[in-house]
Amino acid sequence: MYPGQDPHHEPLTPSSDPWAASAPIPTNPGSTQRMPPVVVEREVVYVERQRRRAWPWVLGVLGALVLCCCGAGGFVINHLGGQYPAQVHVTNEVAGLTKTKNGAYQLAAAAVQAQIRSQPGVEGSEVAVLEDAAHPAQGVIFLSATRLIWDPKAELDNSIRLMDTDLRNPTTFDPGPMGGYLKCADSTDSNDNKPVVVCAWIDHGSLGIGIFYGNRPMPECAKKLLDIRAAVLKRG
């Protein structure tokens, strides 16, 4: 009993150590043993952000591409539609000229036709010898080919050179209401060394070449080829 303690009061029990047995205490103060690390678990909270929808942009880009393609395709179709496809048919009477079977001309025409048919993409070809009854010396060898021609202007000179490499004074003429390109040049017949005029039209669907004999003026030959073109060329 402690001094001043109530004899009737029960003695207080000693308070317990709240830290007792909570962690090992090193028995040797000089020991290098370390206390194990305390692992603290962290709770990670994910906050989902609202995503921006990409599909409206994708649809917009695709729509623009479709419009561009359709516009370009429509332009090409409209531009070619008036000239391709095409057919050439030479009847017995063409632009005041008569279809004939002149032996000398026919042999030359057959050789040139073989060259035309050997070109890639040719769908049809015509070869005819045309004469004017009033002027027998002014014969015309007419040749044509039908096919899809993407760049008529670039192919015009090559087509004329296919007929004759000895061309002089190349001259461009108005192709008329049927469009395309028209060019003529002076040359010489390799068989009899006589002067001839070579004229050619070309567009997106057809090529026509006329070899004019009889020492005609170049503008007259260009006009006659346009008359032949209007009579023999059908489109669509």
C-alpha atoms as a PDB file:
ATOM      1  CA  MET A   1       0.000   0.000   0.000  1.00  0.00           C
ATOM      2  CA  TYR A   2       1.248   3.373  -0.972  1.00  0.00           C
ATOM      3  CA  PRO A   3       1.148   6.268   1.404  1.00  0.00           C
ATOM      4  CA  GLY A   4      -2.191   8.001   1.202  1.00  0.00           C
ATOM      5  CA  GLN A   5      -3.772   5.097  -0.571  1.00  0.00           C
ATOM      6  CA  ASP A   6      -7.337   4.299   0.315  1.00  0.00           C
ATOM      7  CA  PRO A   7      -7.282   0.939   2.094  1.00  0.00           C
ATOM      8  CA  HIS A   8     -10.640   0.041   0.633  1.00  0.00           C
ATOM      9  CA  HIS A   9      -9.639   0.874  -2.972  1.00  0.00           C
ATOM     10  CA  GLU A  10      -8.351  -1.976  -5.092  1.00  0.00           C
ATOM     11  CA  PRO A  11      -4.866  -1.483  -6.387  1.00  0.00           C
ATOM     12  CA  LEU A  12      -4.616  -0.326 -10.013  1.00  0.00           C
ATOM     13  CA  THR A  13      -3.273  -2.767 -12.521  1.00  0.00           C
ATOM     14  CA  PRO A  14      -0.307  -1.511 -14.437  1.00  0.00           C
ATOM     15  CA  SER A  15      -1.194  -0.147 -17.896  1.00  0.00           C
ATOM     16  CA  SER A  16      -0.259  -2.242 -20.870  1.00  0.00           C
ATOM     17  CA  ASP A  17       2.246  -0.981 -23.431  1.00  0.00           C
ATOM     18  CA  PRO A  18       0.312  -0.242 -26.656  1.00  0.00           C
ATOM     19  CA  TRP A  19       3.486  -0.701 -28.719  1.00  0.00           C
ATOM     20  CA  ALA A  20       4.323  -4.036 -27.179  1.00  0.00           C
ATOM     21  CA  ALA A  21       4.798  -6.817 -29.738  1.00  0.00           C
ATOM     22  CA  SER A  22       4.031  -4.427 -32.591  1.00  0.00           C
ATOM     23  CA  ALA A  23       7.511  -4.777 -34.019  1.00  0.00           C
ATOM     24  CA  PRO A  24      10.701  -6.566 -33.045  1.00  0.00           C
ATOM     25  CA  ILE A  25      13.093  -4.479 -31.024  1.00  0.00           C
ATOM     26  CA  PRO A  26      16.760  -5.185 -31.486  1.00  0.00           C
ATOM     27  CA  THR A  27      18.247  -6.662 -28.337  1.00  0.00           C
ATOM     28  CA  ASN A  28      21.689  -5.323 -29.081  1.00  0.00           C
ATOM     29  CA  PRO A  29      21.811  -1.549 -29.569  1.00  0.00           C
ATOM     30  CA  GLY A  30      25.037  -1.868 -31.552  1.00  0.00           C
ATOM     31  CA  SER A  31      23.640  -4.446 -33.900  1.00  0.00           C
ATOM     32  CA  THR A  32      23.452  -3.645 -37.621  1.00  0.00           C
ATOM     33  CA  GLN A  33      20.143  -5.385 -37.945  1.00  0.00           C
ATOM     34  CA  ARG A  34      17.592  -3.114 -39.480  1.00  0.00           C
ATOM     35  CA  MET A  35      13.915  -3.044 -39.040  1.00  0.00           C
ATOM     36  CA  PRO A  36      12.017  -4.450 -41.967  1.00  0.00           C
ATOM     37  CA  PRO A  37      10.533  -1.799 -44.230  1.00  0.00           C
ATOM     38  CA  VAL A  38       6.939  -0.976 -43.775  1.00  0.00           C
ATOM     39  CA  VAL A  39       5.026  -1.647 -46.959  1.00  0.00           C
ATOM     40  CA  VAL A  40       2.278   0.823 -47.622  1.00  0.00           C
ATOM     41  CA  GLU A  41      -0.240  -0.214 -50.209  1.00  0.00           C
ATOM     42  CA  ARG A  42      -1.460   2.593 -52.412  1.00  0.00           C
ATOM     43  CA  GLU A  43      -4.787   2.538 -54.099  1.00  0.00           C
ATOM     44  CA  VAL A  44      -4.648   3.792 -57.674  1.00  0.00           C
ATOM     45  CA  VAL A  45      -7.801   5.438 -58.910  1.00  0.00           C
ATOM     46  CA  TYR A  46      -8.269   5.580 -62.714  1.00  0.00           C
ATOM     47  CA  VAL A  47     -10.271   8.469 -64.045  1.00  0.00           C
ATOM     48  CA  GLU A  48     -11.561   7.840 -67.565  1.00  0.00           C
ATOM     49  CA  ARG A  49     -11.430  10.877 -69.789  1.00  0.00           C
ATOM     50  CA  GLN A  50     -14.044  11.350 -72.414  1.00  0.00           C
ATOM     51  CA  ARG A  51     -12.548  10.426 -75.766  1.00  0.00           C
ATOM     52  CA  ARG A  52     -13.029  12.594 -78.791  1.00  0.00           C
ATOM     53  CA  ARG A  53     -14.721  10.709 -81.552  1.00  0.00           C
ATOM     54  CA  ALA A  54     -12.546  10.398 -84.651  1.00  0.00           C
ATOM     55  CA  TRP A  55     -15.111   8.991 -87.028  1.00  0.00           C
ATOM     56  CA  PRO A  56     -16.655  12.341 -88.068  1.00  0.00           C
ATOM     57  CA  TRP A  57     -13.232  13.432 -89.347  1.00  0.00           C
ATOM     58  CA  VAL A  58     -12.704  10.120 -91.103  1.00  0.00           C
ATOM     59  CA  LEU A  59     -16.062  10.358 -92.803  1.00  0.00           C
ATOM     60  CA  GLY A  60     -15.327  13.929 -93.806  1.00  0.00           C
ATOM     61  CA  VAL A  61     -12.010  13.009 -95.418  1.00  0.00           C
ATOM     62  CA  LEU A  62     -13.528   9.997 -97.192  1.00  0.00           C
ATOM     63  CA  GLY A  63     -16.384  12.128 -98.434  1.00  0.00           C
ATOM     64  CA  ALA A  64     -13.985  14.708 -99.837  1.00  0.00           C
ATOM     65  CA  LEU A  65     -11.985  11.997-101.598  1.00  0.00           C
ATOM     66  CA  VAL A  66     -15.120  10.495-103.103  1.00  0.00           C
ATOM     67  CA  LEU A  67     -16.233  13.879-104.385  1.00  0.00           C
ATOM     68  CA  CYS A  68     -12.821  14.540-105.914  1.00  0.00           C
ATOM     69  CA  CYS A  69     -12.741  11.140-107.593  1.00  0.00           C
ATOM     70  CA  CYS A  70     -16.271  11.504-108.883  1.00  0.00           C
ATOM     71  CA  GLY A  71     -15.518  14.988-110.149  1.00  0.00           C
ATOM     72  CA  ALA A  72     -12.369  13.883-111.945  1.00  0.00           C
ATOM     73  CA  GLY A  73     -14.100  10.802-113.316  1.00  0.00           C
ATOM     74  CA  GLY A  74     -17.031  12.878-114.500  1.00  0.00           C
ATOM     75  CA  PHE A  75     -14.700  15.302-116.229  1.00  0.00           C
ATOM     76  CA  VAL A  76     -12.879  12.489-118.029  1.00  0.00           C
ATOM     77  CA  ILE A  77     -16.119  10.751-119.030  1.00  0.00           C
ATOM     78  CA  ASN A  78     -17.670  13.963-120.304  1.00  0.00           C
ATOM     79  CA  HIS A  79     -14.512  14.928-122.144  1.00  0.00           C
ATOM     80  CA  LEU A  80     -14.064  11.552-123.800  1.00  0.00           C
ATOM     81  CA  GLY A  81     -17.735  10.761-124.171  1.00  0.00           C
ATOM     82  CA  GLY A  82     -18.144  12.986-127.193  1.00  0.00           C
ATOM     83  CA  GLN A  83     -15.230  11.432-129.089  1.00  0.00           C
ATOM     84  CA  TYR A  84     -14.917   7.863-127.828  1.00  0.00           C
ATOM     85  CA  PRO A  85     -15.949   5.247-128.815  1.00  0.00           C
ATOM     86  CA  ALA A  86     -15.926   5.865-132.532  1.00  0.00           C
ATOM     87  CA  GLN A  87     -16.306   3.937-135.786  1.00  0.00           C
ATOM     88  CA  VAL A  88     -15.139   4.718-139.312  1.00  0.00           C
ATOM     89  CA  HIS A  89     -17.006   3.366-142.330  1.00  0.00           C
ATOM     90  CA  VAL A  90     -16.026   4.289-145.877  1.00  0.00           C
ATOM     91  CA  THR A  91     -18.826   3.957-148.429  1.00  0.00           C
ATOM     92  CA  ASN A  92     -18.471   3.939-152.217  1.00  0.00           C
ATOM     93  CA  GLU A  93     -19.055   7.696-152.406  1.00  0.00           C
ATOM     94  CA  VAL A  94     -17.264   9.885-149.861  1.00  0.00           C
ATOM     95  CA  ALA A  95     -17.141  13.689-149.919  1.00  0.00           C
ATOM     96  CA  GLY A  96     -17.387  13.860-153.718  1.00  0.00           C
ATOM     97  CA  LEU A  97     -14.796  11.100-154.169  1.00  0.00           C
ATOM     98  CA  THR A  98     -15.302   7.564-155.423  1.00  0.00           C
ATOM     99  CA  LYS A  99     -13.898   4.483-153.769  1.00  0.00           C
ATOM    100  CA  THR A 100     -11.768   2.584-156.260  1.00  0.00           C
ATOM    101  CA  LYS A 101      -9.321  -0.283-156.553  1.00  0.00           C
ATOM    102  CA  ASN A 102      -6.424   1.433-158.224  1.00  0.00           C
ATOM    103  CA  GLY A 103      -3.646  -1.141-158.228  1.00  0.00           C
ATOM    104  CA  ALA A 104      -0.703   1.155-157.500  1.00  0.00           C
ATOM    105  CA  TYR A 105      -2.482   3.026-154.736  1.00  0.00           C
ATOM    106  CA  GLN A 106      -4.009  -0.134-153.306  1.00  0.00           C
ATOM    107  CA  LEU A 107      -0.625  -1.744-152.804  1.00  0.00           C
ATOM    108  CA  ALA A 108       0.683   1.277-150.919  1.00  0.00           C
ATOM    109  CA  ALA A 109      -2.515   1.450-148.860  1.00  0.00           C
ATOM    110  CA  ALA A 110      -2.232  -2.196-147.805  1.00  0.00           C
ATOM    111  CA  ALA A 111       1.332  -1.681-146.568  1.00  0.00           C
ATOM    112  CA  VAL A 112       0.324   1.324-144.482  1.00  0.00           C
ATOM    113  CA  GLN A 113      -2.740  -0.484-143.099  1.00  0.00           C
ATOM    114  CA  ALA A 114      -0.503  -3.259-141.806  1.00  0.00           C
ATOM    115  CA  GLN A 115       1.502  -0.654-139.894  1.00  0.00           C
ATOM    116  CA  ILE A 116      -1.645   0.854-138.403  1.00  0.00           C
ATOM    117  CA  ARG A 117      -3.060  -2.475-137.278  1.00  0.00           C
ATOM    118  CA  SER A 118       0.216  -3.341-135.558  1.00  0.00           C
ATOM    119  CA  GLN A 119      -0.178  -0.424-133.166  1.00  0.00           C
ATOM    120  CA  PRO A 120      -1.342  -1.389-129.636  1.00  0.00           C
ATOM    121  CA  GLY A 121      -4.975  -0.840-128.716  1.00  0.00           C
ATOM    122  CA  VAL A 122      -6.343  -0.481-132.247  1.00  0.00           C
ATOM    123  CA  GLU A 123     -10.022  -1.479-132.278  1.00  0.00           C
ATOM    124  CA  GLY A 124     -10.792  -0.966-135.961  1.00  0.00           C
ATOM    125  CA  SER A 125      -9.156   0.293-139.138  1.00  0.00           C
ATOM    126  CA  GLU A 126     -10.156   1.323-142.645  1.00  0.00           C
ATOM    127  CA  VAL A 127      -8.111   1.787-145.794  1.00  0.00           C
ATOM    128  CA  ALA A 128      -9.505   3.154-149.041  1.00  0.00           C
ATOM    129  CA  VAL A 129      -8.304   4.621-152.306  1.00  0.00           C
ATOM    130  CA  LEU A 130     -10.471   7.594-153.325  1.00  0.00           C
ATOM    131  CA  GLU A 131     -10.472   9.311-156.710  1.00  0.00           C
ATOM    132  CA  ASP A 132     -12.102  12.330-158.269  1.00  0.00           C
ATOM    133  CA  ALA A 133     -13.570  11.431-161.667  1.00  0.00           C
ATOM    134  CA  ALA A 134     -13.031  14.990-162.869  1.00  0.00           C
ATOM    135  CA  HIS A 135      -9.376  14.949-161.776  1.00  0.00           C
ATOM    136  CA  PRO A 136      -8.017  11.375-161.995  1.00  0.00           C
ATOM    137  CA  ALA A 137      -4.521  12.448-161.044  1.00  0.00           C
ATOM    138  CA  GLN A 138      -5.703  13.788-157.698  1.00  0.00           C
ATOM    139  CA  GLY A 139      -6.122  10.496-155.909  1.00  0.00           C
ATOM    140  CA  VAL A 140      -6.246  10.088-152.136  1.00  0.00           C
ATOM    141  CA  ILE A 141      -5.111   7.192-149.996  1.00  0.00           C
ATOM    142  CA  PHE A 142      -7.224   7.341-146.857  1.00  0.00           C
ATOM    143  CA  LEU A 143      -6.391   5.402-143.703  1.00  0.00           C
ATOM    144  CA  SER A 144      -8.046   5.418-140.296  1.00  0.00           C
ATOM    145  CA  ALA A 145      -7.887   3.716-136.922  1.00  0.00           C
ATOM    146  CA  THR A 146     -10.217   3.821-133.944  1.00  0.00           C
ATOM    147  CA  ARG A 147      -9.050   3.358-130.371  1.00  0.00           C
ATOM    148  CA  LEU A 148      -8.900   5.162-127.045  1.00  0.00           C
ATOM    149  CA  ILE A 149      -6.332   7.956-127.280  1.00  0.00           C
ATOM    150  CA  TRP A 150      -5.563   9.679-123.973  1.00  0.00           C
ATOM    151  CA  ASP A 151      -3.229  12.369-125.316  1.00  0.00           C
ATOM    152  CA  PRO A 152      -4.107  13.098-128.968  1.00  0.00           C
ATOM    153  CA  LYS A 153      -1.827  16.091-129.323  1.00  0.00           C
ATOM    154  CA  ALA A 154       1.250  14.118-128.279  1.00  0.00           C
ATOM    155  CA  GLU A 155       0.429  11.255-130.682  1.00  0.00           C
ATOM    156  CA  LEU A 156      -0.375  13.322-133.754  1.00  0.00           C
ATOM    157  CA  ASP A 157       3.191  13.827-135.003  1.00  0.00           C
ATOM    158  CA  ASN A 158       4.103  10.195-134.317  1.00  0.00           C
ATOM    159  CA  SER A 159       1.119   9.029-136.345  1.00  0.00           C
ATOM    160  CA  ILE A 160       2.091  11.144-139.351  1.00  0.00           C
ATOM    161  CA  ARG A 161       5.707   9.945-139.171  1.00  0.00           C
ATOM    162  CA  LEU A 162       4.396   6.390-139.222  1.00  0.00           C
ATOM    163  CA  MET A 163       3.247   7.083-142.775  1.00  0.00           C
ATOM    164  CA  ASP A 164       6.258   9.072-143.932  1.00  0.00           C
ATOM    165  CA  THR A 165       9.442  10.202-142.233  1.00  0.00           C
ATOM    166  CA  ASP A 166      10.295  12.776-144.912  1.00  0.00           C
ATOM    167  CA  LEU A 167       7.934  15.548-143.834  1.00  0.00           C
ATOM    168  CA  ARG A 168       8.371  19.246-144.487  1.00  0.00           C
ATOM    169  CA  ASN A 169       6.563  22.428-143.554  1.00  0.00           C
ATOM    170  CA  PRO A 170       4.259  20.967-140.849  1.00  0.00           C
ATOM    171  CA  THR A 171       1.229  23.208-140.510  1.00  0.00           C
ATOM    172  CA  THR A 172      -1.656  23.123-138.011  1.00  0.00           C
ATOM    173  CA  PHE A 173      -5.219  23.755-139.198  1.00  0.00           C
ATOM    174  CA  ASP A 174      -8.574  24.274-137.525  1.00  0.00           C
ATOM    175  CA  PRO A 175     -10.085  20.797-136.868  1.00  0.00           C
ATOM    176  CA  GLY A 176     -13.622  22.078-137.303  1.00  0.00           C
ATOM    177  CA  PRO A 177     -16.713  21.328-135.190  1.00  0.00           C
ATOM    178  CA  MET A 178     -15.701  17.706-134.508  1.00  0.00           C
ATOM    179  CA  GLY A 179     -12.744  18.876-132.450  1.00  0.00           C
ATOM    180  CA  GLY A 180      -9.392  17.244-131.953  1.00  0.00           C
ATOM    181  CA  TYR A 181      -6.309  18.276-133.910  1.00  0.00           C
ATOM    182  CA  LEU A 182      -5.491  18.601-137.604  1.00  0.00           C
ATOM    183  CA  LYS A 183      -2.047  18.931-139.163  1.00  0.00           C
ATOM    184  CA  CYS A 184      -0.612  18.679-142.666  1.00  0.00           C
ATOM    185  CA  ALA A 185       2.905  18.489-144.120  1.00  0.00           C
ATOM    186  CA  ASP A 186       4.574  18.299-147.505  1.00  0.00           C
ATOM    187  CA  SER A 187       6.261  15.091-148.596  1.00  0.00           C
ATOM    188  CA  THR A 188       7.333  13.084-151.644  1.00  0.00           C
ATOM    189  CA  ASP A 189       6.031   9.784-152.943  1.00  0.00           C
ATOM    190  CA  SER A 190       8.814   7.264-152.620  1.00  0.00           C
ATOM    191  CA  ASN A 191       7.610   5.306-155.672  1.00  0.00           C
ATOM    192  CA  ASP A 192       7.479   7.955-158.400  1.00  0.00           C
ATOM    193  CA  ASN A 193       9.141  10.864-156.573  1.00  0.00           C
ATOM    194  CA  LYS A 194       6.079  13.072-157.008  1.00  0.00           C
ATOM    195  CA  PRO A 195       5.016  15.645-154.398  1.00  0.00           C
ATOM    196  CA  VAL A 196       2.246  14.658-152.002  1.00  0.00           C
ATOM    197  CA  VAL A 197       0.564  16.263-149.009  1.00  0.00           C
ATOM    198  CA  VAL A 198       0.028  14.230-145.858  1.00  0.00           C
ATOM    199  CA  CYS A 199      -2.780  15.404-143.564  1.00  0.00           C
ATOM    200  CA  ALA A 200      -4.001  13.812-140.345  1.00  0.00           C
ATOM    201  CA  TRP A 201      -6.732  14.382-137.804  1.00  0.00           C
ATOM    202  CA  ILE A 202      -6.710  12.904-134.321  1.00  0.00           C
ATOM    203  CA  ASP A 203      -8.996  13.019-131.290  1.00  0.00           C
ATOM    204  CA  HIS A 204      -9.703  10.863-128.253  1.00  0.00           C
ATOM    205  CA  GLY A 205     -11.336   8.116-130.285  1.00  0.00           C
ATOM    206  CA  SER A 206     -10.050   8.187-133.852  1.00  0.00           C
ATOM    207  CA  LEU A 207      -7.162   8.870-136.174  1.00  0.00           C
ATOM    208  CA  GLY A 208      -7.493   9.601-139.887  1.00  0.00           C
ATOM    209  CA  ILE A 209      -4.721  10.138-142.422  1.00  0.00           C
ATOM    210  CA  GLY A 210      -5.001  11.275-146.014  1.00  0.00           C
ATOM    211  CA  ILE A 211      -2.168  11.116-148.558  1.00  0.00           C
ATOM    212  CA  PHE A 212      -3.098  13.551-151.326  1.00  0.00           C
ATOM    213  CA  TYR A 213      -1.635  13.240-154.798  1.00  0.00           C
ATOM    214  CA  GLY A 214      -1.822  15.700-157.701  1.00  0.00           C
ATOM    215  CA  ASN A 215       0.288  18.549-156.316  1.00  0.00           C
ATOM    216  CA  ARG A 216      -2.584  20.116-154.397  1.00  0.00           C
ATOM    217  CA  PRO A 217      -2.234  23.135-152.104  1.00  0.00           C
ATOM    218  CA  MET A 218      -1.979  22.172-148.444  1.00  0.00           C
ATOM    219  CA  PRO A 219      -5.077  24.145-147.269  1.00  0.00           C
ATOM    220  CA  GLU A 220      -7.181  22.405-149.947  1.00  0.00           C
ATOM    221  CA  CYS A 221      -6.000  18.994-148.716  1.00  0.00           C
ATOM    222  CA  ALA A 222      -6.782  19.913-145.092  1.00  0.00           C
ATOM    223  CA  LYS A 223     -10.335  20.915-146.029  1.00  0.00           C
ATOM    224  CA  LYS A 224     -10.866  17.752-148.072  1.00  0.00           C
ATOM    225  CA  LEU A 225      -9.751  15.566-145.148  1.00  0.00           C
ATOM    226  CA  LEU A 226     -12.267  17.316-142.895  1.00  0.00           C
ATOM    227  CA  ASP A 227     -14.990  16.610-145.477  1.00  0.00           C
ATOM    228  CA  ILE A 228     -13.971  12.946-145.517  1.00  0.00           C
ATOM    229  CA  ARG A 229     -13.951  12.872-141.712  1.00  0.00           C
ATOM    230  CA  ALA A 230     -17.474  14.255-141.471  1.00  0.00           C
ATOM    231  CA  ALA A 231     -18.704  11.614-143.949  1.00  0.00           C
ATOM    232  CA  VAL A 232     -17.066   8.495-142.470  1.00  0.00           C
ATOM    233  CA  LEU A 233     -16.685   9.080-138.711  1.00  0.00           C
ATOM    234  CA  LYS A 234     -19.486   8.017-136.368  1.00  0.00           C
ATOM    235  CA  ARG A 235     -19.311   8.388-132.596  1.00  0.00           C
ATOM    236  CA  GLY A 236     -21.033   6.708-129.713  1.00  0.00           C
END
